[in-house]
Each structure stands twice: as C-alpha cells, then as structure tokens.
Amino acid sequence: MAAAAAAGGTEAAAEDAGGAAPCAGSGRAARLPLSRVKALVKADPDVGLASQEAVFVLARAAELFVETIAKDAFVYAQQGKRKTLQRKDLDNAIEAVDEFAFLEGTLD
C-alpha cells in the first residue's frame, strides 16, 4: 500500500485500502492503520471531527507508547532469560516506571 502511494497513488487511495497513509512532511508512514485509528476516535461521543493530521498524531503517539512499554517490559523478560514478553513483564514495567502509573490495575 505504501508502494502504491509512492508510485503516484494518493494518500486517500492508500487510506481507503486500509493502509497507513503518510503524513505530509513526516518522511514516513504510520505503522498503525489510520482508518482504524480514525474509527476509534469517532467512537468517542465527545469528538465531532478529527483532521487527518490529528489522526496521524494520535496513531504516532500510540506507536511510541507501545514501543516504550514493550521495551521496558522486554528488560524484565531478559532478566528472566526469555525472549518472549509475558503479562508479568508488562505488570513489572507498569509497577516500576512512574510514567505508567495510570495503567496500574488495568490489566487485572
């Protein structure tokens, strides 16, 4: 889908195909499908309209969040001499990192 956009296709065409459309000036496409992120945004009754730029920023923030918590959890997996993340690794990362305090009790 990114190849279609790079080969002269439009962002809308890539988005309609369910792919991740690039944001102007970003230099890279979002890894999460923007159509799914937009559907999640629209599911909030308090949200009227969301621009493509806002959807892209939310998708990018979600990517960074997942990357950060996964890296922190992976440290605990490595301490257990494992390469696969387990729920207990996520729980340990949530308990140890202050930035994840808002998640405490959500995975129960």
PDB file of N, CA and C in Angstrom:
ATOM      1  N   MET A   1       0.806  -1.167   0.000  1.00  0.00           N
ATOM      2  CA  MET A   1       0.000   0.000   0.000  1.00  0.00           C
ATOM      3  C   MET A   1       0.859   1.243   0.000  1.00  0.00           C
ATOM      4  N   ALA A   2       1.960   1.215   0.745  1.00  0.00           N
ATOM      5  CA  ALA A   2       2.873   2.339   0.732  1.00  0.00           C
ATOM      6  C   ALA A   2       3.521   2.453  -0.644  1.00  0.00           C
ATOM      7  N   ALA A   3       3.717   1.293  -1.302  1.00  0.00           N
ATOM      8  CA  ALA A   3       4.295   1.318  -2.638  1.00  0.00           C
ATOM      9  C   ALA A   3       3.337   1.983  -3.617  1.00  0.00           C
ATOM     10  N   ALA A   4       2.034   1.762  -3.432  1.00  0.00           N
ATOM     11  CA  ALA A   4       1.047   2.403  -4.307  1.00  0.00           C
ATOM     12  C   ALA A   4       1.082   3.910  -4.122  1.00  0.00           C
ATOM     13  N   ALA A   5       1.229   4.352  -2.878  1.00  0.00           N
ATOM     14  CA  ALA A   5       1.297   5.780  -2.615  1.00  0.00           C
ATOM     15  C   ALA A   5       2.583   6.361  -3.187  1.00  0.00           C
ATOM     16  N   ALA A   6       3.678   5.617  -3.078  1.00  0.00           N
ATOM     17  CA  ALA A   6       4.951   6.107  -3.603  1.00  0.00           C
ATOM     18  C   ALA A   6       4.974   6.086  -5.120  1.00  0.00           C
ATOM     19  N   ALA A   7       4.170   5.217  -5.727  1.00  0.00           N
ATOM     20  CA  ALA A   7       4.156   5.095  -7.171  1.00  0.00           C
ATOM     21  C   ALA A   7       3.167   6.067  -7.813  1.00  0.00           C
ATOM     22  N   GLY A   8       2.781   7.097  -7.086  1.00  0.00           N
ATOM     23  CA  GLY A   8       1.915   8.099  -7.679  1.00  0.00           C
ATOM     24  C   GLY A   8       0.492   8.019  -7.186  1.00  0.00           C
ATOM     25  N   GLY A   9       0.170   7.055  -6.310  1.00  0.00           N
ATOM     26  CA  GLY A   9      -1.165   6.962  -5.740  1.00  0.00           C
ATOM     27  C   GLY A   9      -1.366   8.075  -4.733  1.00  0.00           C
ATOM     28  N   THR A  10      -2.579   8.326  -4.374  1.00  0.00           N
ATOM     29  CA  THR A  10      -2.853   9.384  -3.408  1.00  0.00           C
ATOM     30  C   THR A  10      -2.907   8.822  -2.013  1.00  0.00           C
ATOM     31  N   GLU A  11      -2.819   9.706  -1.028  1.00  0.00           N
ATOM     32  CA  GLU A  11      -2.947   9.285   0.353  1.00  0.00           C
ATOM     33  C   GLU A  11      -4.325   8.687   0.578  1.00  0.00           C
ATOM     34  N   ALA A  12      -5.336   9.285  -0.046  1.00  0.00           N
ATOM     35  CA  ALA A  12      -6.696   8.783   0.125  1.00  0.00           C
ATOM     36  C   ALA A  12      -6.814   7.361  -0.406  1.00  0.00           C
ATOM     37  N   ALA A  13      -6.151   7.075  -1.515  1.00  0.00           N
ATOM     38  CA  ALA A  13      -6.201   5.727  -2.079  1.00  0.00           C
ATOM     39  C   ALA A  13      -5.554   4.736  -1.125  1.00  0.00           C
ATOM     40  N   ALA A  14      -4.433   5.110  -0.525  1.00  0.00           N
ATOM     41  CA  ALA A  14      -3.769   4.228   0.423  1.00  0.00           C
ATOM     42  C   ALA A  14      -4.636   4.051   1.662  1.00  0.00           C
ATOM     43  N   GLU A  15      -5.292   5.127   2.091  1.00  0.00           N
ATOM     44  CA  GLU A  15      -6.139   5.065   3.272  1.00  0.00           C
ATOM     45  C   GLU A  15      -7.371   4.205   3.007  1.00  0.00           C
ATOM     46  N   ASP A  16      -7.987   4.366   1.836  1.00  0.00           N
ATOM     47  CA  ASP A  16      -9.171   3.584   1.507  1.00  0.00           C
ATOM     48  C   ASP A  16      -8.855   2.098   1.455  1.00  0.00           C
ATOM     49  N   ALA A  17      -7.620   1.770   1.101  1.00  0.00           N
ATOM     50  CA  ALA A  17      -7.221   0.374   1.020  1.00  0.00           C
ATOM     51  C   ALA A  17      -6.919  -0.195   2.405  1.00  0.00           C
ATOM     52  N   GLY A  18      -7.064   0.644   3.447  1.00  0.00           N
ATOM     53  CA  GLY A  18      -6.833   0.163   4.804  1.00  0.00           C
ATOM     54  C   GLY A  18      -5.385   0.293   5.229  1.00  0.00           C
ATOM     55  N   GLY A  19      -4.557   0.882   4.376  1.00  0.00           N
ATOM     56  CA  GLY A  19      -3.151   1.034   4.700  1.00  0.00           C
ATOM     57  C   GLY A  19      -2.898   2.265   5.513  1.00  0.00           C
ATOM     58  N   ALA A  20      -1.664   2.435   5.889  1.00  0.00           N
ATOM     59  CA  ALA A  20      -1.274   3.596   6.658  1.00  0.00           C
ATOM     60  C   ALA A  20      -0.777   4.655   5.693  1.00  0.00           C
ATOM     61  N   ALA A  21      -1.447   5.780   5.670  1.00  0.00           N
ATOM     62  CA  ALA A  21      -1.095   6.853   4.752  1.00  0.00           C
ATOM     63  C   ALA A  21      -0.007   7.723   5.353  1.00  0.00           C
ATOM     64  N   PRO A  22       0.924   8.200   4.532  1.00  0.00           N
ATOM     65  CA  PRO A  22       1.961   9.082   5.051  1.00  0.00           C
ATOM     66  C   PRO A  22       1.389  10.448   5.373  1.00  0.00           C
ATOM     67  N   CYS A  23       1.968  11.114   6.334  1.00  0.00           N
ATOM     68  CA  CYS A  23       1.564  12.464   6.687  1.00  0.00           C
ATOM     69  C   CYS A  23       2.538  13.422   6.025  1.00  0.00           C
ATOM     70  N   ALA A  24       2.035  14.523   5.526  1.00  0.00           N
ATOM     71  CA  ALA A  24       2.872  15.493   4.832  1.00  0.00           C
ATOM     72  C   ALA A  24       4.008  15.947   5.744  1.00  0.00           C
ATOM     73  N   GLY A  25       5.216  15.870   5.245  1.00  0.00           N
ATOM     74  CA  GLY A  25       6.381  16.326   5.977  1.00  0.00           C
ATOM     75  C   GLY A  25       6.898  15.338   7.010  1.00  0.00           C
ATOM     76  N   SER A  26       6.261  14.200   7.170  1.00  0.00           N
ATOM     77  CA  SER A  26       6.697  13.263   8.201  1.00  0.00           C
ATOM     78  C   SER A  26       7.874  12.416   7.742  1.00  0.00           C
ATOM     79  N   GLY A  27       7.948  12.154   6.441  1.00  0.00           N
ATOM     80  CA  GLY A  27       9.024  11.331   5.929  1.00  0.00           C
ATOM     81  C   GLY A  27       8.793   9.847   6.137  1.00  0.00           C
ATOM     82  N   ARG A  28       7.691   9.466   6.773  1.00  0.00           N
ATOM     83  CA  ARG A  28       7.404   8.057   6.990  1.00  0.00           C
ATOM     84  C   ARG A  28       5.905   7.875   7.166  1.00  0.00           C
ATOM     85  N   ALA A  29       5.472   6.680   6.910  1.00  0.00           N
ATOM     86  CA  ALA A  29       4.060   6.359   7.084  1.00  0.00           C
ATOM     87  C   ALA A  29       3.828   5.867   8.502  1.00  0.00           C
ATOM     88  N   ALA A  30       2.623   6.025   8.992  1.00  0.00           N
ATOM     89  CA  ALA A  30       2.268   5.479  10.294  1.00  0.00           C
ATOM     90  C   ALA A  30       2.237   3.963  10.187  1.00  0.00           C
ATOM     91  N   ARG A  31       2.581   3.299  11.254  1.00  0.00           N
ATOM     92  CA  ARG A  31       2.561   1.838  11.251  1.00  0.00           C
ATOM     93  C   ARG A  31       1.163   1.306  11.537  1.00  0.00           C
ATOM     94  N   LEU A  32       0.383   2.064  12.282  1.00  0.00           N
ATOM     95  CA  LEU A  32      -0.989   1.654  12.563  1.00  0.00           C
ATOM     96  C   LEU A  32      -1.887   2.122  11.425  1.00  0.00           C
ATOM     97  N   PRO A  33      -2.886   1.342  11.074  1.00  0.00           N
ATOM     98  CA  PRO A  33      -3.798   1.763  10.007  1.00  0.00           C
ATOM     99  C   PRO A  33      -4.608   2.976  10.459  1.00  0.00           C
ATOM    100  N   LEU A  34      -4.474   4.067   9.727  1.00  0.00           N
ATOM    101  CA  LEU A  34      -5.132   5.310  10.112  1.00  0.00           C
ATOM    102  C   LEU A  34      -6.653   5.174  10.081  1.00  0.00           C
ATOM    103  N   SER A  35      -7.165   4.322   9.222  1.00  0.00           N
ATOM    104  CA  SER A  35      -8.615   4.146   9.174  1.00  0.00           C
ATOM    105  C   SER A  35      -9.125   3.555  10.491  1.00  0.00           C
ATOM    106  N   ARG A  36      -8.366   2.661  11.099  1.00  0.00           N
ATOM    107  CA  ARG A  36      -8.767   2.070  12.384  1.00  0.00           C
ATOM    108  C   ARG A  36      -8.649   3.093  13.512  1.00  0.00           C
ATOM    109  N   VAL A  37      -7.574   3.888  13.468  1.00  0.00           N
ATOM    110  CA  VAL A  37      -7.400   4.919  14.490  1.00  0.00           C
ATOM    111  C   VAL A  37      -8.540   5.921  14.387  1.00  0.00           C
ATOM    112  N   LYS A  38      -8.889   6.311  13.181  1.00  0.00           N
ATOM    113  CA  LYS A  38      -9.981   7.260  12.982  1.00  0.00           C
ATOM    114  C   LYS A  38     -11.296   6.675  13.489  1.00  0.00           C
ATOM    115  N   ALA A  39     -11.530   5.391  13.269  1.00  0.00           N
ATOM    116  CA  ALA A  39     -12.747   4.747  13.768  1.00  0.00           C
ATOM    117  C   ALA A  39     -12.787   4.790  15.296  1.00  0.00           C
ATOM    118  N   LEU A  40     -11.640   4.595  15.942  1.00  0.00           N
ATOM    119  CA  LEU A  40     -11.590   4.675  17.402  1.00  0.00           C
ATOM    120  C   LEU A  40     -11.865   6.095  17.883  1.00  0.00           C
ATOM    121  N   VAL A  41     -11.325   7.080  17.174  1.00  0.00           N
ATOM    122  CA  VAL A  41     -11.560   8.478  17.533  1.00  0.00           C
ATOM    123  C   VAL A  41     -13.046   8.799  17.389  1.00  0.00           C
ATOM    124  N   LYS A  42     -13.646   8.356  16.297  1.00  0.00           N
ATOM    125  CA  LYS A  42     -15.067   8.629  16.061  1.00  0.00           C
ATOM    126  C   LYS A  42     -15.968   7.909  17.056  1.00  0.00           C
ATOM    127  N   ALA A  43     -15.472   6.852  17.683  1.00  0.00           N
ATOM    128  CA  ALA A  43     -16.267   6.117  18.664  1.00  0.00           C
ATOM    129  C   ALA A  43     -16.488   6.934  19.932  1.00  0.00           C
ATOM    130  N   ASP A  44     -15.680   7.954  20.138  1.00  0.00           N
ATOM    131  CA  ASP A  44     -15.838   8.825  21.301  1.00  0.00           C
ATOM    132  C   ASP A  44     -16.959   9.819  21.022  1.00  0.00           C
ATOM    133  N   PRO A  45     -18.022   9.818  21.824  1.00  0.00           N
ATOM    134  CA  PRO A  45     -19.145  10.719  21.555  1.00  0.00           C
ATOM    135  C   PRO A  45     -18.796  12.199  21.722  1.00  0.00           C
ATOM    136  N   ASP A  46     -17.707  12.494  22.437  1.00  0.00           N
ATOM    137  CA  ASP A  46     -17.302  13.884  22.635  1.00  0.00           C
ATOM    138  C   ASP A  46     -16.544  14.452  21.444  1.00  0.00           C
ATOM    139  N   VAL A  47     -16.159  13.604  20.492  1.00  0.00           N
ATOM    140  CA  VAL A  47     -15.384  14.054  19.340  1.00  0.00           C
ATOM    141  C   VAL A  47     -16.317  14.258  18.159  1.00  0.00           C
ATOM    142  N   GLY A  48     -16.303  15.479  17.615  1.00  0.00           N
ATOM    143  CA  GLY A  48     -17.118  15.767  16.445  1.00  0.00           C
ATOM    144  C   GLY A  48     -16.374  15.417  15.171  1.00  0.00           C
ATOM    145  N   LEU A  49     -15.318  16.158  14.894  1.00  0.00           N
ATOM    146  CA  LEU A  49     -14.497  15.943  13.709  1.00  0.00           C
ATOM    147  C   LEU A  49     -13.046  15.765  14.126  1.00  0.00           C
ATOM    148  N   ALA A  50     -12.319  14.998  13.336  1.00  0.00           N
ATOM    149  CA  ALA A  50     -10.884  14.823  13.577  1.00  0.00           C
ATOM    150  C   ALA A  50     -10.175  14.927  12.232  1.00  0.00           C
ATOM    151  N   SER A  51      -9.234  15.837  12.127  1.00  0.00           N
ATOM    152  CA  SER A  51      -8.495  16.008  10.877  1.00  0.00           C
ATOM    153  C   SER A  51      -7.547  14.835  10.671  1.00  0.00           C
ATOM    154  N   GLN A  52      -7.111  14.666   9.439  1.00  0.00           N
ATOM    155  CA  GLN A  52      -6.156  13.597   9.141  1.00  0.00           C
ATOM    156  C   GLN A  52      -4.869  13.794   9.929  1.00  0.00           C
ATOM    157  N   GLU A  53      -4.468  15.055  10.110  1.00  0.00           N
ATOM    158  CA  GLU A  53      -3.247  15.328  10.871  1.00  0.00           C
ATOM    159  C   GLU A  53      -3.413  14.897  12.326  1.00  0.00           C
ATOM    160  N   ALA A  54      -4.595  15.168  12.902  1.00  0.00           N
ATOM    161  CA  ALA A  54      -4.851  14.775  14.287  1.00  0.00           C
ATOM    162  C   ALA A  54      -4.856  13.257  14.413  1.00  0.00           C
ATOM    163  N   VAL A  55      -5.463  12.577  13.455  1.00  0.00           N
ATOM    164  CA  VAL A  55      -5.497  11.119  13.469  1.00  0.00           C
ATOM    165  C   VAL A  55      -4.083  10.576  13.355  1.00  0.00           C
ATOM    166  N   PHE A  56      -3.261  11.170  12.498  1.00  0.00           N
ATOM    167  CA  PHE A  56      -1.881  10.721  12.345  1.00  0.00           C
ATOM    168  C   PHE A  56      -1.108  10.909  13.647  1.00  0.00           C
ATOM    169  N   VAL A  57      -1.284  12.059  14.291  1.00  0.00           N
ATOM    170  CA  VAL A  57      -0.571  12.320  15.545  1.00  0.00           C
ATOM    171  C   VAL A  57      -0.994  11.321  16.623  1.00  0.00           C
ATOM    172  N   LEU A  58      -2.280  11.028  16.702  1.00  0.00           N
ATOM    173  CA  LEU A  58      -2.746  10.032  17.668  1.00  0.00           C
ATOM    174  C   LEU A  58      -2.169   8.649  17.366  1.00  0.00           C
ATOM    175  N   ALA A  59      -2.127   8.288  16.090  1.00  0.00           N
ATOM    176  CA  ALA A  59      -1.557   6.994  15.699  1.00  0.00           C
ATOM    177  C   ALA A  59      -0.079   6.940  16.072  1.00  0.00           C
ATOM    178  N   ARG A  60       0.634   8.008  15.805  1.00  0.00           N
ATOM    179  CA  ARG A  60       2.072   8.051  16.118  1.00  0.00           C
ATOM    180  C   ARG A  60       2.304   7.983  17.627  1.00  0.00           C
ATOM    181  N   ALA A  61       1.457   8.687  18.393  1.00  0.00           N
ATOM    182  CA  ALA A  61       1.584   8.646  19.852  1.00  0.00           C
ATOM    183  C   ALA A  61       1.331   7.231  20.377  1.00  0.00           C
ATOM    184  N   ALA A  62       0.349   6.559  19.806  1.00  0.00           N
ATOM    185  CA  ALA A  62       0.064   5.178  20.209  1.00  0.00           C
ATOM    186  C   ALA A  62       1.240   4.270  19.885  1.00  0.00           C
ATOM    187  N   GLU A  63       1.845   4.469  18.715  1.00  0.00           N
ATOM    188  CA  GLU A  63       3.019   3.673  18.330  1.00  0.00           C
ATOM    189  C   GLU A  63       4.154   3.876  19.316  1.00  0.00           C
ATOM    190  N   LEU A  64       4.416   5.129  19.664  1.00  0.00           N
ATOM    191  CA  LEU A  64       5.502   5.426  20.600  1.00  0.00           C
ATOM    192  C   LEU A  64       5.217   4.841  21.982  1.00  0.00           C
ATOM    193  N   PHE A  65       3.956   4.902  22.408  1.00  0.00           N
ATOM    194  CA  PHE A  65       3.576   4.336  23.699  1.00  0.00           C
ATOM    195  C   PHE A  65       3.811   2.831  23.717  1.00  0.00           C
ATOM    196  N   VAL A  66       3.338   2.147  22.688  1.00  0.00           N
ATOM    197  CA  VAL A  66       3.502   0.687  22.625  1.00  0.00           C
ATOM    198  C   VAL A  66       4.982   0.325  22.569  1.00  0.00           C
ATOM    199  N   GLU A  67       5.745   1.075  21.786  1.00  0.00           N
ATOM    200  CA  GLU A  67       7.184   0.814  21.683  1.00  0.00           C
ATOM    201  C   GLU A  67       7.868   0.983  23.044  1.00  0.00           C
ATOM    202  N   THR A  68       7.515   2.044  23.755  1.00  0.00           N
ATOM    203  CA  THR A  68       8.145   2.326  25.043  1.00  0.00           C
ATOM    204  C   THR A  68       7.816   1.261  26.077  1.00  0.00           C
ATOM    205  N   ILE A  69       6.543   0.922  26.203  1.00  0.00           N
ATOM    206  CA  ILE A  69       6.174  -0.063  27.224  1.00  0.00           C
ATOM    207  C   ILE A  69       6.713  -1.446  26.859  1.00  0.00           C
ATOM    208  N   ALA A  70       6.783  -1.755  25.565  1.00  0.00           N
ATOM    209  CA  ALA A  70       7.329  -3.049  25.146  1.00  0.00           C
ATOM    210  C   ALA A  70       8.821  -3.143  25.457  1.00  0.00           C
ATOM    211  N   LYS A  71       9.546  -2.054  25.220  1.00  0.00           N
ATOM    212  CA  LYS A  71      10.985  -2.062  25.527  1.00  0.00           C
ATOM    213  C   LYS A  71      11.219  -2.219  27.026  1.00  0.00           C
ATOM    214  N   ASP A  72      10.430  -1.505  27.815  1.00  0.00           N
ATOM    215  CA  ASP A  72      10.584  -1.614  29.261  1.00  0.00           C
ATOM    216  C   ASP A  72      10.213  -3.013  29.748  1.00  0.00           C
ATOM    217  N   ALA A  73       9.163  -3.593  29.197  1.00  0.00           N
ATOM    218  CA  ALA A  73       8.763  -4.946  29.579  1.00  0.00           C
ATOM    219  C   ALA A  73       9.791  -5.977  29.126  1.00  0.00           C
ATOM    220  N   PHE A  74      10.426  -5.727  27.989  1.00  0.00           N
ATOM    221  CA  PHE A  74      11.418  -6.666  27.470  1.00  0.00           C
ATOM    222  C   PHE A  74      12.624  -6.781  28.401  1.00  0.00           C
ATOM    223  N   VAL A  75      12.931  -5.703  29.103  1.00  0.00           N
ATOM    224  CA  VAL A  75      14.023  -5.747  30.079  1.00  0.00           C
ATOM    225  C   VAL A  75      13.720  -6.818  31.132  1.00  0.00           C
ATOM    226  N   TYR A  76      12.468  -6.870  31.558  1.00  0.00           N
ATOM    227  CA  TYR A  76      12.085  -7.883  32.563  1.00  0.00           C
ATOM    228  C   TYR A  76      12.084  -9.281  31.960  1.00  0.00           C
ATOM    229  N   ALA A  77      11.728  -9.402  30.701  1.00  0.00           N
ATOM    230  CA  ALA A  77      11.787 -10.710  30.039  1.00  0.00           C
ATOM    231  C   ALA A  77      13.240 -11.179  29.952  1.00  0.00           C
ATOM    232  N   GLN A  78      14.148 -10.266  29.631  1.00  0.00           N
ATOM    233  CA  GLN A  78      15.562 -10.624  29.553  1.00  0.00           C
ATOM    234  C   GLN A  78      16.107 -11.041  30.917  1.00  0.00           C
ATOM    235  N   GLN A  79      15.643 -10.378  31.971  1.00  0.00           N
ATOM    236  CA  GLN A  79      16.083 -10.752  33.321  1.00  0.00           C
ATOM    237  C   GLN A  79      15.646 -12.180  33.647  1.00  0.00           C
ATOM    238  N   GLY A  80      14.541 -12.606  33.070  1.00  0.00           N
ATOM    239  CA  GLY A  80      14.070 -13.975  33.242  1.00  0.00           C
ATOM    240  C   GLY A  80      14.628 -14.911  32.191  1.00  0.00           C
ATOM    241  N   LYS A  81      15.615 -14.409  31.428  1.00  0.00           N
ATOM    242  CA  LYS A  81      16.278 -15.187  30.371  1.00  0.00           C
ATOM    243  C   LYS A  81      15.285 -15.692  29.320  1.00  0.00           C
ATOM    244  N   ARG A  82      14.318 -14.811  28.977  1.00  0.00           N
ATOM    245  CA  ARG A  82      13.329 -15.121  27.952  1.00  0.00           C
ATOM    246  C   ARG A  82      13.370 -14.062  26.866  1.00  0.00           C
ATOM    247  N   LYS A  83      12.929 -14.439  25.672  1.00  0.00           N
ATOM    248  CA  LYS A  83      12.835 -13.501  24.564  1.00  0.00           C
ATOM    249  C   LYS A  83      11.392 -13.099  24.273  1.00  0.00           C
ATOM    250  N   THR A  84      10.468 -13.803  24.897  1.00  0.00           N
ATOM    251  CA  THR A  84       9.051 -13.540  24.670  1.00  0.00           C
ATOM    252  C   THR A  84       8.471 -12.788  25.855  1.00  0.00           C
ATOM    253  N   LEU A  85       7.756 -11.703  25.556  1.00  0.00           N
ATOM    254  CA  LEU A  85       7.109 -10.942  26.620  1.00  0.00           C
ATOM    255  C   LEU A  85       5.932 -11.722  27.175  1.00  0.00           C
ATOM    256  N   GLN A  86       5.813 -11.648  28.481  1.00  0.00           N
ATOM    257  CA  GLN A  86       4.663 -12.236  29.150  1.00  0.00           C
ATOM    258  C   GLN A  86       3.950 -11.133  29.915  1.00  0.00           C
ATOM    259  N   ARG A  87       2.741 -11.430  30.314  1.00  0.00           N
ATOM    260  CA  ARG A  87       1.954 -10.440  31.032  1.00  0.00           C
ATOM    261  C   ARG A  87       2.677  -9.945  32.285  1.00  0.00           C
ATOM    262  N   LYS A  88       3.368 -10.840  32.955  1.00  0.00           N
ATOM    263  CA  LYS A  88       4.074 -10.435  34.175  1.00  0.00           C
ATOM    264  C   LYS A  88       5.160  -9.411  33.872  1.00  0.00           C
ATOM    265  N   ASP A  89       5.732  -9.451  32.660  1.00  0.00           N
ATOM    266  CA  ASP A  89       6.734  -8.454  32.272  1.00  0.00           C
ATOM    267  C   ASP A  89       6.092  -7.078  32.134  1.00  0.00           C
ATOM    268  N   LEU A  90       4.899  -7.047  31.531  1.00  0.00           N
ATOM    269  CA  LEU A  90       4.171  -5.779  31.427  1.00  0.00           C
ATOM    270  C   LEU A  90       3.786  -5.264  32.814  1.00  0.00           C
ATOM    271  N   ASP A  91       3.315  -6.166  33.673  1.00  0.00           N
ATOM    272  CA  ASP A  91       2.957  -5.770  35.036  1.00  0.00           C
ATOM    273  C   ASP A  91       4.164  -5.185  35.766  1.00  0.00           C
ATOM    274  N   ASN A  92       5.328  -5.817  35.613  1.00  0.00           N
ATOM    275  CA  ASN A  92       6.549  -5.320  36.258  1.00  0.00           C
ATOM    276  C   ASN A  92       6.940  -3.952  35.723  1.00  0.00           C
ATOM    277  N   ALA A  93       6.823  -3.753  34.413  1.00  0.00           N
ATOM    278  CA  ALA A  93       7.161  -2.455  33.807  1.00  0.00           C
ATOM    279  C   ALA A  93       6.205  -1.383  34.309  1.00  0.00           C
ATOM    280  N   ILE A  94       4.929  -1.705  34.402  1.00  0.00           N
ATOM    281  CA  ILE A  94       3.934  -0.740  34.873  1.00  0.00           C
ATOM    282  C   ILE A  94       4.212  -0.345  36.321  1.00  0.00           C
ATOM    283  N   GLU A  95       4.596  -1.323  37.140  1.00  0.00           N
ATOM    284  CA  GLU A  95       4.890  -1.036  38.548  1.00  0.00           C
ATOM    285  C   GLU A  95       6.173  -0.229  38.709  1.00  0.00           C
ATOM    286  N   ALA A  96       7.160  -0.470  37.855  1.00  0.00           N
ATOM    287  CA  ALA A  96       8.479   0.130  38.030  1.00  0.00           C
ATOM    288  C   ALA A  96       8.606   1.534  37.432  1.00  0.00           C
ATOM    289  N   VAL A  97       7.856   1.827  36.393  1.00  0.00           N
ATOM    290  CA  VAL A  97       8.024   3.093  35.683  1.00  0.00           C
ATOM    291  C   VAL A  97       6.904   4.047  36.071  1.00  0.00           C
ATOM    292  N   ASP A  98       7.272   5.202  36.599  1.00  0.00           N
ATOM    293  CA  ASP A  98       6.283   6.173  37.073  1.00  0.00           C
ATOM    294  C   ASP A  98       5.337   6.638  35.965  1.00  0.00           C
ATOM    295  N   GLU A  99       5.840   6.734  34.740  1.00  0.00           N
ATOM    296  CA  GLU A  99       5.012   7.209  33.624  1.00  0.00           C
ATOM    297  C   GLU A  99       3.855   6.249  33.317  1.00  0.00           C
ATOM    298  N   PHE A 100       3.958   5.013  33.769  1.00  0.00           N
ATOM    299  CA  PHE A 100       2.916   4.024  33.510  1.00  0.00           C
ATOM    300  C   PHE A 100       1.975   3.853  34.710  1.00  0.00           C
ATOM    301  N   ALA A 101       2.082   4.733  35.702  1.00  0.00           N
ATOM    302  CA  ALA A 101       1.274   4.610  36.914  1.00  0.00           C
ATOM    303  C   ALA A 101      -0.214   4.642  36.608  1.00  0.00           C
ATOM    304  N   PHE A 102      -0.607   5.363  35.562  1.00  0.00           N
ATOM    305  CA  PHE A 102      -2.030   5.433  35.204  1.00  0.00           C
ATOM    306  C   PHE A 102      -2.581   4.080  34.747  1.00  0.00           C
ATOM    307  N   LEU A 103      -1.715   3.133  34.442  1.00  0.00           N
ATOM    308  CA  LEU A 103      -2.135   1.807  33.988  1.00  0.00           C
ATOM    309  C   LEU A 103      -2.303   0.802  35.124  1.00  0.00           C
ATOM    310  N   GLU A 104      -1.874   1.181  36.322  1.00  0.00           N
ATOM    311  CA  GLU A 104      -1.926   0.242  37.437  1.00  0.00           C
ATOM    312  C   GLU A 104      -3.357  -0.215  37.669  1.00  0.00           C
ATOM    313  N   GLY A 105      -3.542  -1.525  37.713  1.00  0.00           N
ATOM    314  CA  GLY A 105      -4.852  -2.103  37.938  1.00  0.00           C
ATOM    315  C   GLY A 105      -5.688  -2.292  36.680  1.00  0.00           C
ATOM    316  N   THR A 106      -5.199  -1.883  35.518  1.00  0.00           N
ATOM    317  CA  THR A 106      -5.992  -2.006  34.299  1.00  0.00           C
ATOM    318  C   THR A 106      -5.868  -3.383  33.658  1.00  0.00           C
ATOM    319  N   LEU A 107      -4.795  -4.100  33.926  1.00  0.00           N
ATOM    320  CA  LEU A 107      -4.596  -5.402  33.309  1.00  0.00           C
ATOM    321  C   LEU A 107      -5.110  -6.535  34.184  1.00  0.00           C
ATOM    322  N   ASP A 108      -5.750  -6.216  35.271  1.00  0.00           N
ATOM    323  CA  ASP A 108      -6.256  -7.261  36.176  1.00  0.00           C
ATOM    324  C   ASP A 108      -7.446  -7.962  35.590  1.00  0.00           C
TER     325      ASP A 108
END
